[in-house]
Protein backbone atom coordinates (compact mmCIF):
# COMPACT_ATOMS: atom_id res chain seq x y z
CA MET A 1 103.59 87.02 103.66
CA GLU A 2 105.51 87.68 100.44
CA SER A 3 107.29 84.97 98.52
CA ASP A 4 110.93 85.33 97.53
CA LEU A 5 109.79 85.99 93.95
CA GLU A 6 107.44 88.80 95.01
CA THR A 7 110.23 90.36 97.05
CA TYR A 8 112.68 90.14 94.14
CA ILE A 9 110.20 91.60 91.65
CA GLY A 10 109.61 94.60 93.89
CA LEU A 11 113.30 95.44 94.30
CA GLU A 12 114.51 98.64 92.68
CA GLY A 13 110.98 99.59 91.56
CA ARG A 14 110.76 97.01 88.79
CA VAL A 15 107.59 97.12 86.69
CA CYS A 16 106.57 95.98 83.21
CA PRO A 17 104.19 98.56 81.74
CA ILE A 18 104.01 96.83 78.34
CA PRO A 19 100.59 95.11 78.12
CA THR A 20 101.51 93.08 75.05
CA ARG A 21 104.37 91.39 76.95
CA TRP A 22 101.95 90.29 79.71
CA ASN A 23 99.59 88.95 77.03
CA GLU A 24 102.42 87.04 75.35
CA LEU A 25 103.27 85.43 78.68
CA TRP A 26 99.61 84.55 79.30
CA GLU A 27 99.37 82.92 75.85
CA LEU A 28 102.26 80.61 76.82
CA LEU A 29 100.36 79.21 79.82
CA PRO A 30 99.36 75.58 79.29
CA GLY A 31 95.75 74.52 79.72
CA ARG A 32 94.12 77.93 79.35
CA HIS A 33 90.49 77.70 78.30
CA ARG A 34 87.23 79.63 78.23
CA VAL A 35 84.73 79.21 81.05
CA GLY A 36 81.48 81.03 80.39
CA SER A 37 82.39 84.57 79.42
CA GLY A 38 85.83 84.42 81.06
CA TRP A 39 89.09 82.47 80.96
CA VAL A 40 90.96 80.07 83.23
CA PRO A 41 93.47 81.33 84.15
CA PRO A 42 92.05 84.87 83.93
CA LEU A 43 93.32 87.28 81.28
CA PRO A 44 96.10 89.60 82.39
CA LEU A 45 94.40 92.35 84.39
CA ILE A 46 95.85 95.06 82.20
CA LEU A 47 94.09 93.57 79.11
CA GLY A 48 91.10 91.89 80.72
CA ALA A 49 89.89 94.88 82.74
């Protein structure tokens, strides 16, 4: 079941192929911290993969 946000994002083929923008958004998340060799929340897939 998709949320309203997921439905809206998918309209008209919207995508954001700019990895640095995803990273900037991730850096704004409060409470991010390292856990072992990873992060909580995880790095953006496009940079962390």
